[in-house]
């Protein structure tokens, strides 16, 4: 009997980024997600599945799909 939640190598399990589905292949990094969102060089805070991720770990290829990612940008003003 096969597991209905099991993925084959050609399937992409989308990430949820700020509430929106983002289909990226497994093994991607937060840096790639930020680049796709146009936020690669902006000051941001990132949370994955409820845990804040330090900027020093953004380049690690740690995303497998299905994660909930929240990206917060900083806005200046007066």
C-alpha atoms as a PDB file:
ATOM      1  CA  UNK A   1       0.000   0.000   0.000  1.00  0.00           C
ATOM      2  CA  UNK A   2       1.461   3.379  -0.961  1.00  0.00           C
ATOM      3  CA  UNK A   3       1.501   6.472   1.218  1.00  0.00           C
ATOM      4  CA  UNK A   4      -0.804   9.139  -0.304  1.00  0.00           C
ATOM      5  CA  UNK A   5       1.389  11.881   1.198  1.00  0.00           C
ATOM      6  CA  UNK A   6       4.617  10.479  -0.294  1.00  0.00           C
ATOM      7  CA  UNK A   7       6.097  12.510  -3.123  1.00  0.00           C
ATOM      8  CA  UNK A   8       7.844  11.209  -6.169  1.00  0.00           C
ATOM      9  CA  UNK A   9      11.064  12.862  -7.333  1.00  0.00           C
ATOM     10  CA  UNK A  10       9.280  14.899 -10.012  1.00  0.00           C
ATOM     11  CA  UNK A  11       6.652  16.372  -7.681  1.00  0.00           C
ATOM     12  CA  UNK A  12       6.955  19.792  -6.118  1.00  0.00           C
ATOM     13  CA  UNK A  13       5.432  20.392  -2.702  1.00  0.00           C
ATOM     14  CA  UNK A  14       4.730  24.120  -2.466  1.00  0.00           C
ATOM     15  CA  UNK A  15       5.955  26.349   0.316  1.00  0.00           C
ATOM     16  CA  UNK A  16       3.561  28.794   1.888  1.00  0.00           C
ATOM     17  CA  UNK A  17       5.211  32.230   1.847  1.00  0.00           C
ATOM     18  CA  UNK A  18       3.317  34.976   3.676  1.00  0.00           C
ATOM     19  CA  UNK A  19       0.133  33.009   3.101  1.00  0.00           C
ATOM     20  CA  UNK A  20       0.693  32.415  -0.634  1.00  0.00           C
ATOM     21  CA  UNK A  21       1.656  29.182  -2.327  1.00  0.00           C
ATOM     22  CA  UNK A  22       5.177  29.216  -3.759  1.00  0.00           C
ATOM     23  CA  UNK A  23       6.057  26.098  -5.799  1.00  0.00           C
ATOM     24  CA  UNK A  24       9.813  25.538  -5.543  1.00  0.00           C
ATOM     25  CA  UNK A  25      11.603  22.214  -5.915  1.00  0.00           C
ATOM     26  CA  UNK A  26      12.908  20.641  -2.673  1.00  0.00           C
ATOM     27  CA  UNK A  27      16.429  21.469  -1.528  1.00  0.00           C
ATOM     28  CA  UNK A  28      16.107  25.217  -2.016  1.00  0.00           C
ATOM     29  CA  UNK A  29      17.400  27.828   0.376  1.00  0.00           C
ATOM     30  CA  UNK A  30      15.744  30.817   2.011  1.00  0.00           C
ATOM     31  CA  UNK A  31      18.096  32.989  -0.049  1.00  0.00           C
ATOM     32  CA  UNK A  32      16.484  31.580  -3.208  1.00  0.00           C
ATOM     33  CA  UNK A  33      12.990  32.210  -1.830  1.00  0.00           C
ATOM     34  CA  UNK A  34      13.962  35.794  -0.963  1.00  0.00           C
ATOM     35  CA  UNK A  35      15.446  36.258  -4.440  1.00  0.00           C
ATOM     36  CA  UNK A  36      12.246  34.998  -6.084  1.00  0.00           C
ATOM     37  CA  UNK A  37      10.270  37.457  -3.946  1.00  0.00           C
ATOM     38  CA  UNK A  38      12.544  40.368  -4.928  1.00  0.00           C
ATOM     39  CA  UNK A  39      13.823  40.699  -1.362  1.00  0.00           C
ATOM     40  CA  UNK A  40      17.359  39.308  -1.712  1.00  0.00           C
ATOM     41  CA  UNK A  41      19.164  42.492  -0.679  1.00  0.00           C
ATOM     42  CA  UNK A  42      16.625  44.038   1.668  1.00  0.00           C
ATOM     43  CA  UNK A  43      16.667  43.887   5.453  1.00  0.00           C
ATOM     44  CA  UNK A  44      14.195  41.179   6.424  1.00  0.00           C
ATOM     45  CA  UNK A  45      13.299  38.870   9.274  1.00  0.00           C
ATOM     46  CA  UNK A  46      12.330  35.321   8.299  1.00  0.00           C
ATOM     47  CA  UNK A  47      10.426  32.711  10.241  1.00  0.00           C
ATOM     48  CA  UNK A  48      10.045  29.090   9.078  1.00  0.00           C
ATOM     49  CA  UNK A  49       7.354  26.998  10.751  1.00  0.00           C
ATOM     50  CA  UNK A  50       7.298  29.360  13.725  1.00  0.00           C
ATOM     51  CA  UNK A  51      11.067  29.617  14.246  1.00  0.00           C
ATOM     52  CA  UNK A  52      13.111  32.711  13.444  1.00  0.00           C
ATOM     53  CA  UNK A  53      15.987  31.866  11.085  1.00  0.00           C
ATOM     54  CA  UNK A  54      19.235  33.846  11.437  1.00  0.00           C
ATOM     55  CA  UNK A  55      20.513  35.509   8.271  1.00  0.00           C
ATOM     56  CA  UNK A  56      23.664  33.369   8.520  1.00  0.00           C
ATOM     57  CA  UNK A  57      21.519  30.330   7.598  1.00  0.00           C
ATOM     58  CA  UNK A  58      19.672  31.831   4.596  1.00  0.00           C
ATOM     59  CA  UNK A  59      22.042  30.149   2.093  1.00  0.00           C
ATOM     60  CA  UNK A  60      21.593  26.633   3.493  1.00  0.00           C
ATOM     61  CA  UNK A  61      19.576  24.367   1.154  1.00  0.00           C
ATOM     62  CA  UNK A  62      17.186  23.274   3.873  1.00  0.00           C
ATOM     63  CA  UNK A  63      13.670  23.615   2.454  1.00  0.00           C
ATOM     64  CA  UNK A  64      11.908  20.353   1.612  1.00  0.00           C
ATOM     65  CA  UNK A  65       8.478  21.721   0.746  1.00  0.00           C
ATOM     66  CA  UNK A  66       5.377  22.269   2.811  1.00  0.00           C
ATOM     67  CA  UNK A  67       7.024  24.785   5.136  1.00  0.00           C
ATOM     68  CA  UNK A  68       5.212  27.933   6.262  1.00  0.00           C
ATOM     69  CA  UNK A  69       7.513  30.900   5.743  1.00  0.00           C
ATOM     70  CA  UNK A  70       6.824  34.403   7.011  1.00  0.00           C
ATOM     71  CA  UNK A  71       8.955  37.256   5.684  1.00  0.00           C
ATOM     72  CA  UNK A  72       8.811  40.643   7.375  1.00  0.00           C
ATOM     73  CA  UNK A  73      10.408  43.684   5.760  1.00  0.00           C
ATOM     74  CA  UNK A  74      11.465  46.769   7.651  1.00  0.00           C
ATOM     75  CA  UNK A  75       9.977  50.108   6.718  1.00  0.00           C
ATOM     76  CA  UNK A  76      11.471  53.413   7.782  1.00  0.00           C
ATOM     77  CA  UNK A  77       9.497  56.512   8.318  1.00  0.00           C
ATOM     78  CA  UNK A  78       8.917  59.384  10.564  1.00  0.00           C
END
